[in-house]
Every structure is written in C-alpha cells, then in structure tokens.
Amino acid sequence: MRATARGWTVVWLVVFTLVQVAAFVVLWRVAVHTGLGQWIDTVALTGNRIGRDRIDEPVDRILNAMSVVSLLAATAVIGFIALMRGRIALAITATLLIAGANVSTQLLKHGLSRPDLGIDLTRVYAGNSLPSGHATVAASVAVALVLVLPAKVRAFGAFLGAGYAAVAGVATLSAGWHRPSDAAAAFLVVGIWAALAGMVLLLSQRERARASDAHRVAATVLGVAGLIGLAICVLALGWLVDLRGVDPEELGRRALFVGYAGSAAGIAGTMAVVMALVLAVVHRLVPRHPG
C-alpha cells in the first residue's frame, strides 16, 4: 500500500470519527434535552404495543441471548478467527474495539444527564438510558467480525452483521427496554470505536502491505439502504411534529404506528450507514498480506 493511500485512509478515518462524534452529540442534545425529542421517543415507545403480542417471544429470545457470557464468547471467537489467519494485531484490535465500545456505552449511560421535561412521566425515575447496552453489544460484535473475516466472505458478513445489529436495536424498542435514540446512539459509539481501531490497524501495518479487494458494491448497497431508512425516519417523524402538543397516550393507532415504524427505520438505517462506512475502508485496514 503506497504512502499516499495510507495518508488518505488516515484522513478518511479522522473524518469518519469526527462526523460520528458530532452526530452523537446532536442526537443526544435533541433526543434527551429537548421537549420535542423526548416526546418523539415516547411516542415510539408507546407505539411498540401495536402487535406486541405477536413478537414478544422472538424479541425476548434475541435480547436474552445478549449477556456478559455471550459477549465474552463472541469476542473469543472473533479473536480466534484473527489468530487462525495469523493476524495477532487484528485479534488484539478487534478485542479492544468490542471492549472499548461497551465500556464507553456504560460510562456514557451513567454519566450523561436526562432532564425531566414532564413528558415521559412513567419512566422519569429510570434516568438516562442512552446509549443502549444491548445495541452496543450487537453492533460491536458485528463490526469486529467484519474486520477479522477473510475478504471473500467479508461482504456477506457485513450484511449479516448489520442485519443482526439492526434487529437487536429494534428489539430493544419493541420490548420497551430502550428509546429509539438509545439504539441509534449505541451504533454511533461503535462506529467511533471502529474508526479508532482502524487507525491502530493502519499504524501496525508494514509499508509493503497490499490492500485486499474493495467491496464497493456491497458498501454502496448498505449505504443507500441506510440513507433510505433514515429518510423514512425523517419523513415519519416530521409528520408527527404537528401532533406534538398531544399526550402520547392519547394519540391514535395511526400516529403511534408511524412513530414506532419510523423510529425502527431510523435505527436500522443508522446501523446500515455505519457498516457501509466500515466496509468502504476495511480493505485498506486489513491487507491481503501483512507485509
């Protein structure tokens, strides 16, 4: 990999990091510290009761599978895959990505404040829940897996991992465990750690390392799908703004469904965009030959 290519990759990773940090701050300020943001989150949570009886069992199964033990097991498997490929630095970095993202989420959840704006009174004593720990577990494992997989199956792993993380994020909303902003924020935390991990991998490379095949089509498909999901979210939540003076418990079935479905699209769209950005640059971070 030429020095110029490595330099541009560093620039990309720095921009990737800063954009996601900015997005996280904006999401936190709007969703947690404004009345409109808290109201929209509450509408989405209230809307999760639509059809909940039909999905209770699979949702509980997905969320209950995410424990400290399962996270440690997944991390061990990911590290083993990297070691089997002879990539010691990759195994260490993937492990640090998972650990860093999940520790950061717990610190942020307990460190960030959530003011009582008199909107979500039933959950006011629960305090801050942003970012979601379950969504962070799913996304961090998915992204780390994409890093360690061989190039031939990396695109497939990206779609599978993004889908798994998106389902887990929506499941936290469906179960009433988390607000939609919590899951989206968790995905941004993982994206930030993915960019930092990429810088570490880049620094550990030898000058003669050769980039593996890029996954431009797969990254584009994921990116476009993610942007479509985010556009649906914006349109749905924009439609709800005119009803912001109404108590969420008094809204009709249509409004509640729009809030829930639009938020679910936003959660899935955020994960798809994060994974697309990872897939767009991973071929330079994990070269075909170490050196």
C-alpha atoms as a PDB file:
ATOM      1  CA  MET A   1       0.000   0.000   0.000  1.00  0.00           C
ATOM      2  CA  ARG A   2       1.516   3.283  -1.057  1.00  0.00           C
ATOM      3  CA  ALA A   3       2.195   6.019   1.469  1.00  0.00           C
ATOM      4  CA  THR A   4      -0.298   8.311  -0.299  1.00  0.00           C
ATOM      5  CA  ALA A   5      -3.043   5.696   0.049  1.00  0.00           C
ATOM      6  CA  ARG A   6      -2.239   5.285   3.716  1.00  0.00           C
ATOM      7  CA  GLY A   7      -2.359   9.064   4.206  1.00  0.00           C
ATOM      8  CA  TRP A   8      -5.786   9.354   2.601  1.00  0.00           C
ATOM      9  CA  THR A   9      -7.029   6.447   4.693  1.00  0.00           C
ATOM     10  CA  VAL A  10      -5.985   8.278   7.867  1.00  0.00           C
ATOM     11  CA  VAL A  11      -7.857  11.379   6.679  1.00  0.00           C
ATOM     12  CA  TRP A  12     -10.940   9.251   5.974  1.00  0.00           C
ATOM     13  CA  LEU A  13     -10.807   7.687   9.430  1.00  0.00           C
ATOM     14  CA  VAL A  14     -10.405  11.061  11.146  1.00  0.00           C
ATOM     15  CA  VAL A  15     -13.399  12.453   9.245  1.00  0.00           C
ATOM     16  CA  PHE A  16     -15.326   9.261   9.996  1.00  0.00           C
ATOM     17  CA  THR A  17     -14.621   9.738  13.709  1.00  0.00           C
ATOM     18  CA  LEU A  18     -15.461  13.450  13.859  1.00  0.00           C
ATOM     19  CA  VAL A  19     -18.704  13.104  11.901  1.00  0.00           C
ATOM     20  CA  GLN A  20     -19.933  10.343  14.188  1.00  0.00           C
ATOM     21  CA  VAL A  21     -18.942  12.221  17.331  1.00  0.00           C
ATOM     22  CA  ALA A  22     -20.863  15.251  16.045  1.00  0.00           C
ATOM     23  CA  ALA A  23     -23.864  13.078  15.155  1.00  0.00           C
ATOM     24  CA  PHE A  24     -23.826  11.523  18.623  1.00  0.00           C
ATOM     25  CA  VAL A  25     -23.748  14.927  20.338  1.00  0.00           C
ATOM     26  CA  VAL A  26     -26.575  16.280  18.165  1.00  0.00           C
ATOM     27  CA  LEU A  27     -28.677  13.145  18.727  1.00  0.00           C
ATOM     28  CA  TRP A  28     -28.129  13.310  22.484  1.00  0.00           C
ATOM     29  CA  ARG A  29     -28.933  17.021  22.724  1.00  0.00           C
ATOM     30  CA  VAL A  30     -32.086  16.763  20.603  1.00  0.00           C
ATOM     31  CA  ALA A  31     -33.466  13.463  21.893  1.00  0.00           C
ATOM     32  CA  VAL A  32     -32.645  13.971  25.569  1.00  0.00           C
ATOM     33  CA  HIS A  33     -32.550  17.716  26.200  1.00  0.00           C
ATOM     34  CA  THR A  34     -35.460  18.996  24.102  1.00  0.00           C
ATOM     35  CA  GLY A  35     -39.170  18.532  24.673  1.00  0.00           C
ATOM     36  CA  LEU A  36     -39.761  17.538  21.046  1.00  0.00           C
ATOM     37  CA  GLY A  37     -37.038  14.886  21.158  1.00  0.00           C
ATOM     38  CA  GLN A  38     -38.337  13.350  24.364  1.00  0.00           C
ATOM     39  CA  TRP A  39     -41.898  13.443  23.005  1.00  0.00           C
ATOM     40  CA  ILE A  40     -40.947  11.617  19.776  1.00  0.00           C
ATOM     41  CA  ASP A  41     -39.059   8.932  21.716  1.00  0.00           C
ATOM     42  CA  THR A  42     -42.076   8.494  23.985  1.00  0.00           C
ATOM     43  CA  VAL A  43     -44.453   8.206  21.026  1.00  0.00           C
ATOM     44  CA  ALA A  44     -42.263   5.465  19.533  1.00  0.00           C
ATOM     45  CA  LEU A  45     -42.163   3.616  22.851  1.00  0.00           C
ATOM     46  CA  THR A  46     -45.913   3.921  23.249  1.00  0.00           C
ATOM     47  CA  GLY A  47     -46.397   2.628  19.706  1.00  0.00           C
ATOM     48  CA  ASN A  48     -44.485  -0.582  20.432  1.00  0.00           C
ATOM     49  CA  ARG A  49     -47.661  -2.070  21.914  1.00  0.00           C
ATOM     50  CA  ILE A  50     -49.124  -2.403  18.403  1.00  0.00           C
ATOM     51  CA  GLY A  51     -48.752  -6.073  17.502  1.00  0.00           C
ATOM     52  CA  ARG A  52     -46.526  -6.673  20.514  1.00  0.00           C
ATOM     53  CA  ASP A  53     -48.246  -9.951  21.444  1.00  0.00           C
ATOM     54  CA  ARG A  54     -47.121 -11.464  18.144  1.00  0.00           C
ATOM     55  CA  ILE A  55     -43.439 -10.650  18.547  1.00  0.00           C
ATOM     56  CA  ASP A  56     -42.940 -10.897  22.309  1.00  0.00           C
ATOM     57  CA  GLU A  57     -41.349 -14.346  22.196  1.00  0.00           C
ATOM     58  CA  PRO A  58     -38.753 -13.747  19.433  1.00  0.00           C
ATOM     59  CA  VAL A  59     -37.913 -10.307  20.859  1.00  0.00           C
ATOM     60  CA  ASP A  60     -37.293 -11.756  24.319  1.00  0.00           C
ATOM     61  CA  ARG A  61     -35.206 -14.542  22.798  1.00  0.00           C
ATOM     62  CA  ILE A  62     -32.998 -12.069  20.934  1.00  0.00           C
ATOM     63  CA  LEU A  63     -32.444  -9.799  23.922  1.00  0.00           C
ATOM     64  CA  ASN A  64     -31.958 -12.567  26.490  1.00  0.00           C
ATOM     65  CA  ALA A  65     -29.221 -14.067  24.311  1.00  0.00           C
ATOM     66  CA  MET A  66     -27.138 -10.932  24.893  1.00  0.00           C
ATOM     67  CA  SER A  67     -25.318 -11.397  28.177  1.00  0.00           C
ATOM     68  CA  VAL A  68     -21.815 -10.847  29.510  1.00  0.00           C
ATOM     69  CA  VAL A  69     -21.084 -14.527  28.925  1.00  0.00           C
ATOM     70  CA  SER A  70     -22.284 -14.413  25.312  1.00  0.00           C
ATOM     71  CA  LEU A  71     -20.279 -11.237  24.692  1.00  0.00           C
ATOM     72  CA  LEU A  72     -17.115 -12.858  26.049  1.00  0.00           C
ATOM     73  CA  ALA A  73     -17.767 -15.955  23.954  1.00  0.00           C
ATOM     74  CA  ALA A  74     -18.294 -13.899  20.789  1.00  0.00           C
ATOM     75  CA  THR A  75     -15.119 -11.903  21.496  1.00  0.00           C
ATOM     76  CA  ALA A  76     -13.148 -15.118  21.955  1.00  0.00           C
ATOM     77  CA  VAL A  77     -14.449 -16.499  18.651  1.00  0.00           C
ATOM     78  CA  ILE A  78     -13.595 -13.279  16.819  1.00  0.00           C
ATOM     79  CA  GLY A  79     -10.097 -13.253  18.302  1.00  0.00           C
ATOM     80  CA  PHE A  80      -9.661 -16.914  17.351  1.00  0.00           C
ATOM     81  CA  ILE A  81     -10.607 -16.209  13.717  1.00  0.00           C
ATOM     82  CA  ALA A  82      -7.972 -13.465  13.531  1.00  0.00           C
ATOM     83  CA  LEU A  83      -5.315 -15.673  15.134  1.00  0.00           C
ATOM     84  CA  MET A  84      -6.109 -18.529  12.736  1.00  0.00           C
ATOM     85  CA  ARG A  85      -5.343 -16.098   9.921  1.00  0.00           C
ATOM     86  CA  GLY A  86      -2.031 -15.219  11.574  1.00  0.00           C
ATOM     87  CA  ARG A  87      -3.174 -11.667  12.422  1.00  0.00           C
ATOM     88  CA  ILE A  88      -2.165 -11.031  16.031  1.00  0.00           C
ATOM     89  CA  ALA A  89      -2.567  -7.243  15.797  1.00  0.00           C
ATOM     90  CA  LEU A  90      -6.017  -7.724  14.272  1.00  0.00           C
ATOM     91  CA  ALA A  91      -7.076 -10.048  17.103  1.00  0.00           C
ATOM     92  CA  ILE A  92      -5.973  -7.521  19.716  1.00  0.00           C
ATOM     93  CA  THR A  93      -7.568  -4.580  17.926  1.00  0.00           C
ATOM     94  CA  ALA A  94     -10.905  -6.343  17.379  1.00  0.00           C
ATOM     95  CA  THR A  95     -10.986  -7.233  21.073  1.00  0.00           C
ATOM     96  CA  LEU A  96     -10.213  -3.642  22.054  1.00  0.00           C
ATOM     97  CA  LEU A  97     -12.979  -2.402  19.740  1.00  0.00           C
ATOM     98  CA  ILE A  98     -15.574  -4.580  21.466  1.00  0.00           C
ATOM     99  CA  ALA A  99     -14.318  -3.770  24.957  1.00  0.00           C
ATOM    100  CA  GLY A 100     -13.925  -0.046  24.279  1.00  0.00           C
ATOM    101  CA  ALA A 101     -17.369   0.370  22.735  1.00  0.00           C
ATOM    102  CA  ASN A 102     -19.154  -1.485  25.534  1.00  0.00           C
ATOM    103  CA  VAL A 103     -17.248   0.206  28.363  1.00  0.00           C
ATOM    104  CA  SER A 104     -17.842   3.615  26.743  1.00  0.00           C
ATOM    105  CA  THR A 105     -21.557   2.917  26.486  1.00  0.00           C
ATOM    106  CA  GLN A 106     -21.812   2.077  30.179  1.00  0.00           C
ATOM    107  CA  LEU A 107     -19.828   5.177  31.164  1.00  0.00           C
ATOM    108  CA  LEU A 108     -21.972   7.412  28.958  1.00  0.00           C
ATOM    109  CA  LYS A 109     -25.207   5.867  30.184  1.00  0.00           C
ATOM    110  CA  HIS A 110     -24.313   6.581  33.797  1.00  0.00           C
ATOM    111  CA  GLY A 111     -22.538   9.864  33.123  1.00  0.00           C
ATOM    112  CA  LEU A 112     -24.984  11.677  30.865  1.00  0.00           C
ATOM    113  CA  SER A 113     -27.934  13.503  32.369  1.00  0.00           C
ATOM    114  CA  ARG A 114     -31.590  13.325  31.338  1.00  0.00           C
ATOM    115  CA  PRO A 115     -33.678  16.305  32.471  1.00  0.00           C
ATOM    116  CA  ASP A 116     -37.308  15.803  33.476  1.00  0.00           C
ATOM    117  CA  LEU A 117     -39.316  17.835  30.976  1.00  0.00           C
ATOM    118  CA  GLY A 118     -42.646  16.439  32.135  1.00  0.00           C
ATOM    119  CA  ILE A 119     -43.141  14.242  29.066  1.00  0.00           C
ATOM    120  CA  ASP A 120     -42.322  10.596  29.803  1.00  0.00           C
ATOM    121  CA  LEU A 121     -43.605  10.527  33.379  1.00  0.00           C
ATOM    122  CA  THR A 122     -43.834   6.732  33.633  1.00  0.00           C
ATOM    123  CA  ARG A 123     -40.075   6.387  33.086  1.00  0.00           C
ATOM    124  CA  VAL A 124     -38.832   9.585  34.693  1.00  0.00           C
ATOM    125  CA  TYR A 125     -37.234   7.746  37.616  1.00  0.00           C
ATOM    126  CA  ALA A 126     -35.338   5.380  35.321  1.00  0.00           C
ATOM    127  CA  GLY A 127     -32.961   8.192  34.412  1.00  0.00           C
ATOM    128  CA  ASN A 128     -30.784   8.261  31.325  1.00  0.00           C
ATOM    129  CA  SER A 129     -30.762   5.178  29.100  1.00  0.00           C
ATOM    130  CA  LEU A 130     -28.673   6.496  26.192  1.00  0.00           C
ATOM    131  CA  PRO A 131     -26.798   4.666  24.649  1.00  0.00           C
ATOM    132  CA  SER A 132     -28.309   1.159  24.658  1.00  0.00           C
ATOM    133  CA  GLY A 133     -26.040  -1.536  26.066  1.00  0.00           C
ATOM    134  CA  HIS A 134     -27.758  -4.344  24.134  1.00  0.00           C
ATOM    135  CA  ALA A 135     -27.470  -2.476  20.827  1.00  0.00           C
ATOM    136  CA  THR A 136     -23.793  -1.779  21.538  1.00  0.00           C
ATOM    137  CA  VAL A 137     -23.117  -5.469  22.186  1.00  0.00           C
ATOM    138  CA  ALA A 138     -24.727  -6.500  18.900  1.00  0.00           C
ATOM    139  CA  ALA A 139     -23.105  -3.777  16.779  1.00  0.00           C
ATOM    140  CA  SER A 140     -19.615  -4.109  18.266  1.00  0.00           C
ATOM    141  CA  VAL A 141     -19.588  -7.863  17.665  1.00  0.00           C
ATOM    142  CA  ALA A 142     -20.897  -7.358  14.112  1.00  0.00           C
ATOM    143  CA  VAL A 143     -18.262  -4.761  13.185  1.00  0.00           C
ATOM    144  CA  ALA A 144     -15.412  -6.686  14.828  1.00  0.00           C
ATOM    145  CA  LEU A 145     -16.463  -9.793  12.910  1.00  0.00           C
ATOM    146  CA  VAL A 146     -16.297  -7.886   9.621  1.00  0.00           C
ATOM    147  CA  LEU A 147     -12.748  -6.802  10.483  1.00  0.00           C
ATOM    148  CA  VAL A 148     -11.464 -10.335  11.095  1.00  0.00           C
ATOM    149  CA  LEU A 149     -13.279 -12.205   8.316  1.00  0.00           C
ATOM    150  CA  PRO A 150     -11.361 -13.066   5.117  1.00  0.00           C
ATOM    151  CA  ALA A 151     -12.050 -10.731   2.205  1.00  0.00           C
ATOM    152  CA  LYS A 152     -14.011 -13.394   0.283  1.00  0.00           C
ATOM    153  CA  VAL A 153     -16.783 -13.546   2.888  1.00  0.00           C
ATOM    154  CA  ARG A 154     -16.461 -10.050   4.354  1.00  0.00           C
ATOM    155  CA  ALA A 155     -19.339  -8.511   2.369  1.00  0.00           C
ATOM    156  CA  PHE A 156     -21.665 -11.346   3.370  1.00  0.00           C
ATOM    157  CA  GLY A 157     -20.586 -10.880   6.982  1.00  0.00           C
ATOM    158  CA  ALA A 158     -21.293  -7.151   6.747  1.00  0.00           C
ATOM    159  CA  PHE A 159     -24.874  -7.685   5.589  1.00  0.00           C
ATOM    160  CA  LEU A 160     -25.443 -10.401   8.169  1.00  0.00           C
ATOM    161  CA  GLY A 161     -23.878  -8.353  10.972  1.00  0.00           C
ATOM    162  CA  ALA A 162     -25.714  -5.140  10.076  1.00  0.00           C
ATOM    163  CA  GLY A 163     -28.993  -7.043   9.927  1.00  0.00           C
ATOM    164  CA  TYR A 164     -28.372  -8.706  13.279  1.00  0.00           C
ATOM    165  CA  ALA A 165     -27.452  -5.438  14.984  1.00  0.00           C
ATOM    166  CA  ALA A 166     -30.410  -3.605  13.436  1.00  0.00           C
ATOM    167  CA  VAL A 167     -32.818  -6.324  14.602  1.00  0.00           C
ATOM    168  CA  ALA A 168     -31.304  -6.180  18.094  1.00  0.00           C
ATOM    169  CA  GLY A 169     -31.673  -2.395  18.170  1.00  0.00           C
ATOM    170  CA  VAL A 170     -35.314  -2.526  17.069  1.00  0.00           C
ATOM    171  CA  ALA A 171     -35.923  -5.351  19.555  1.00  0.00           C
ATOM    172  CA  THR A 172     -34.914  -3.088  22.453  1.00  0.00           C
ATOM    173  CA  LEU A 173     -37.610  -0.660  21.277  1.00  0.00           C
ATOM    174  CA  SER A 174     -40.183  -3.413  20.733  1.00  0.00           C
ATOM    175  CA  ALA A 175     -39.606  -4.781  24.222  1.00  0.00           C
ATOM    176  CA  GLY A 176     -39.875  -1.307  25.759  1.00  0.00           C
ATOM    177  CA  TRP A 177     -36.338  -1.546  27.133  1.00  0.00           C
ATOM    178  CA  HIS A 178     -34.942   1.441  25.240  1.00  0.00           C
ATOM    179  CA  ARG A 179     -35.965   4.544  23.374  1.00  0.00           C
ATOM    180  CA  PRO A 180     -35.073   4.618  19.649  1.00  0.00           C
ATOM    181  CA  SER A 181     -32.409   7.300  20.199  1.00  0.00           C
ATOM    182  CA  ASP A 182     -30.654   4.942  22.618  1.00  0.00           C
ATOM    183  CA  ALA A 183     -30.082   2.320  19.913  1.00  0.00           C
ATOM    184  CA  ALA A 184     -29.012   4.845  17.269  1.00  0.00           C
ATOM    185  CA  ALA A 185     -26.554   6.413  19.727  1.00  0.00           C
ATOM    186  CA  ALA A 186     -25.124   2.967  20.510  1.00  0.00           C
ATOM    187  CA  PHE A 187     -24.405   2.352  16.832  1.00  0.00           C
ATOM    188  CA  LEU A 188     -22.578   5.683  16.615  1.00  0.00           C
ATOM    189  CA  VAL A 189     -20.438   4.749  19.628  1.00  0.00           C
ATOM    190  CA  VAL A 190     -19.458   1.529  17.872  1.00  0.00           C
ATOM    191  CA  GLY A 191     -18.735   3.442  14.664  1.00  0.00           C
ATOM    192  CA  ILE A 192     -16.413   5.799  16.527  1.00  0.00           C
ATOM    193  CA  TRP A 193     -14.520   2.878  18.033  1.00  0.00           C
ATOM    194  CA  ALA A 194     -14.367   1.211  14.611  1.00  0.00           C
ATOM    195  CA  ALA A 195     -12.618   4.293  13.215  1.00  0.00           C
ATOM    196  CA  LEU A 196     -10.178   4.381  16.152  1.00  0.00           C
ATOM    197  CA  ALA A 197      -9.489   0.680  15.712  1.00  0.00           C
ATOM    198  CA  GLY A 198      -8.834   1.343  12.035  1.00  0.00           C
ATOM    199  CA  MET A 199      -6.152   3.884  12.905  1.00  0.00           C
ATOM    200  CA  VAL A 200      -4.466   1.345  15.178  1.00  0.00           C
ATOM    201  CA  LEU A 201      -4.536  -1.286  12.430  1.00  0.00           C
ATOM    202  CA  LEU A 202      -3.124   1.175   9.932  1.00  0.00           C
ATOM    203  CA  LEU A 203      -0.242   2.084  12.228  1.00  0.00           C
ATOM    204  CA  SER A 204       0.560  -1.591  12.797  1.00  0.00           C
ATOM    205  CA  GLN A 205       0.925  -2.308   9.064  1.00  0.00           C
ATOM    206  CA  ARG A 206       4.200  -2.669   7.271  1.00  0.00           C
ATOM    207  CA  GLU A 207       4.930  -0.336   4.380  1.00  0.00           C
ATOM    208  CA  ARG A 208       4.659  -3.151   1.812  1.00  0.00           C
ATOM    209  CA  ALA A 209       1.272  -4.367   2.961  1.00  0.00           C
ATOM    210  CA  ARG A 210      -1.074  -4.881  -0.003  1.00  0.00           C
ATOM    211  CA  ALA A 211      -4.705  -3.825   0.235  1.00  0.00           C
ATOM    212  CA  SER A 212      -7.229  -6.608  -0.277  1.00  0.00           C
ATOM    213  CA  ASP A 213     -10.143  -6.348  -2.695  1.00  0.00           C
ATOM    214  CA  ALA A 214     -12.540  -3.491  -2.054  1.00  0.00           C
ATOM    215  CA  HIS A 215     -16.262  -4.143  -1.571  1.00  0.00           C
ATOM    216  CA  ARG A 216     -17.610  -1.077  -3.352  1.00  0.00           C
ATOM    217  CA  VAL A 217     -20.908  -2.570  -4.498  1.00  0.00           C
ATOM    218  CA  ALA A 218     -21.750  -4.053  -1.093  1.00  0.00           C
ATOM    219  CA  ALA A 219     -20.778  -0.830   0.691  1.00  0.00           C
ATOM    220  CA  THR A 220     -22.897   1.200  -1.730  1.00  0.00           C
ATOM    221  CA  VAL A 221     -25.927  -1.057  -1.281  1.00  0.00           C
ATOM    222  CA  LEU A 222     -25.632  -0.833   2.508  1.00  0.00           C
ATOM    223  CA  GLY A 223     -25.135   2.919   2.379  1.00  0.00           C
ATOM    224  CA  VAL A 224     -28.095   3.546   0.077  1.00  0.00           C
ATOM    225  CA  ALA A 225     -30.320   1.243   2.148  1.00  0.00           C
ATOM    226  CA  GLY A 226     -29.252   3.084   5.283  1.00  0.00           C
ATOM    227  CA  LEU A 227     -29.966   6.501   3.794  1.00  0.00           C
ATOM    228  CA  ILE A 228     -33.390   5.307   2.651  1.00  0.00           C
ATOM    229  CA  GLY A 229     -34.110   4.113   6.197  1.00  0.00           C
ATOM    230  CA  LEU A 230     -33.034   7.463   7.627  1.00  0.00           C
ATOM    231  CA  ALA A 231     -35.139   9.330   5.035  1.00  0.00           C
ATOM    232  CA  ILE A 232     -38.197   7.269   6.004  1.00  0.00           C
ATOM    233  CA  CYS A 233     -37.474   8.079   9.647  1.00  0.00           C
ATOM    234  CA  VAL A 234     -37.239  11.822   8.959  1.00  0.00           C
ATOM    235  CA  LEU A 235     -40.468  11.825   6.929  1.00  0.00           C
ATOM    236  CA  ALA A 236     -42.352   9.811   9.535  1.00  0.00           C
ATOM    237  CA  LEU A 237     -41.181  11.869  12.489  1.00  0.00           C
ATOM    238  CA  GLY A 238     -41.720  15.082  10.519  1.00  0.00           C
ATOM    239  CA  TRP A 239     -45.357  14.068  10.033  1.00  0.00           C
ATOM    240  CA  LEU A 240     -45.669  13.609  13.797  1.00  0.00           C
ATOM    241  CA  VAL A 241     -44.382  17.097  14.648  1.00  0.00           C
ATOM    242  CA  ASP A 242     -47.793  18.657  14.012  1.00  0.00           C
ATOM    243  CA  LEU A 243     -49.187  16.474  16.823  1.00  0.00           C
ATOM    244  CA  ARG A 244     -46.520  17.331  19.384  1.00  0.00           C
ATOM    245  CA  GLY A 245     -48.999  19.007  21.752  1.00  0.00           C
ATOM    246  CA  VAL A 246     -50.906  15.750  22.244  1.00  0.00           C
ATOM    247  CA  ASP A 247     -50.088  13.352  25.082  1.00  0.00           C
ATOM    248  CA  PRO A 248     -48.600  10.153  23.531  1.00  0.00           C
ATOM    249  CA  GLU A 249     -51.139   8.047  25.438  1.00  0.00           C
ATOM    250  CA  GLU A 250     -53.946   9.940  23.698  1.00  0.00           C
ATOM    251  CA  LEU A 251     -52.642   9.549  20.156  1.00  0.00           C
ATOM    252  CA  GLY A 252     -54.470   7.322  17.690  1.00  0.00           C
ATOM    253  CA  ARG A 253     -53.225   3.986  16.382  1.00  0.00           C
ATOM    254  CA  ARG A 254     -52.028   5.514  13.106  1.00  0.00           C
ATOM    255  CA  ALA A 255     -49.844   8.141  14.781  1.00  0.00           C
ATOM    256  CA  LEU A 256     -48.379   5.610  17.191  1.00  0.00           C
ATOM    257  CA  PHE A 257     -47.575   3.219  14.353  1.00  0.00           C
ATOM    258  CA  VAL A 258     -45.901   5.995  12.343  1.00  0.00           C
ATOM    259  CA  GLY A 259     -43.767   6.889  15.363  1.00  0.00           C
ATOM    260  CA  TYR A 260     -42.790   3.298  16.035  1.00  0.00           C
ATOM    261  CA  ALA A 261     -42.174   2.265  12.410  1.00  0.00           C
ATOM    262  CA  GLY A 262     -40.342   5.495  11.572  1.00  0.00           C
ATOM    263  CA  SER A 263     -38.074   5.092  14.588  1.00  0.00           C
ATOM    264  CA  ALA A 264     -37.394   1.459  13.687  1.00  0.00           C
ATOM    265  CA  ALA A 265     -36.403   2.574  10.182  1.00  0.00           C
ATOM    266  CA  GLY A 266     -34.067   5.157  11.715  1.00  0.00           C
ATOM    267  CA  ILE A 267     -32.410   2.536  13.937  1.00  0.00           C
ATOM    268  CA  ALA A 268     -31.864   0.159  11.029  1.00  0.00           C
ATOM    269  CA  GLY A 269     -30.721   2.992   8.765  1.00  0.00           C
ATOM    270  CA  THR A 270     -28.122   4.196  11.255  1.00  0.00           C
ATOM    271  CA  MET A 271     -26.607   0.728  11.545  1.00  0.00           C
ATOM    272  CA  ALA A 272     -26.558   0.246   7.783  1.00  0.00           C
ATOM    273  CA  VAL A 273     -24.717   3.545   7.243  1.00  0.00           C
ATOM    274  CA  VAL A 274     -22.162   2.762   9.964  1.00  0.00           C
ATOM    275  CA  MET A 275     -21.497  -0.674   8.483  1.00  0.00           C
ATOM    276  CA  ALA A 276     -21.263   0.785   4.961  1.00  0.00           C
ATOM    277  CA  LEU A 277     -18.563   3.201   6.117  1.00  0.00           C
ATOM    278  CA  VAL A 278     -16.658   0.361   7.775  1.00  0.00           C
ATOM    279  CA  LEU A 279     -16.912  -1.818   4.670  1.00  0.00           C
ATOM    280  CA  ALA A 280     -15.785   1.040   2.422  1.00  0.00           C
ATOM    281  CA  VAL A 281     -12.374   1.262   4.114  1.00  0.00           C
ATOM    282  CA  VAL A 282     -11.731  -2.117   5.751  1.00  0.00           C
ATOM    283  CA  HIS A 283      -9.847  -3.478   2.710  1.00  0.00           C
ATOM    284  CA  ARG A 284      -7.064  -0.971   3.448  1.00  0.00           C
ATOM    285  CA  LEU A 285      -7.054  -1.635   7.183  1.00  0.00           C
ATOM    286  CA  VAL A 286      -6.782  -5.425   6.854  1.00  0.00           C
ATOM    287  CA  PRO A 287      -4.469  -6.025   3.859  1.00  0.00           C
ATOM    288  CA  ARG A 288      -4.306  -9.236   1.856  1.00  0.00           C
ATOM    289  CA  HIS A 289      -0.750  -9.808   3.063  1.00  0.00           C
ATOM    290  CA  PRO A 290       0.533  -8.455   6.415  1.00  0.00           C
ATOM    291  CA  GLY A 291       3.686  -7.267   4.768  1.00  0.00           C
END
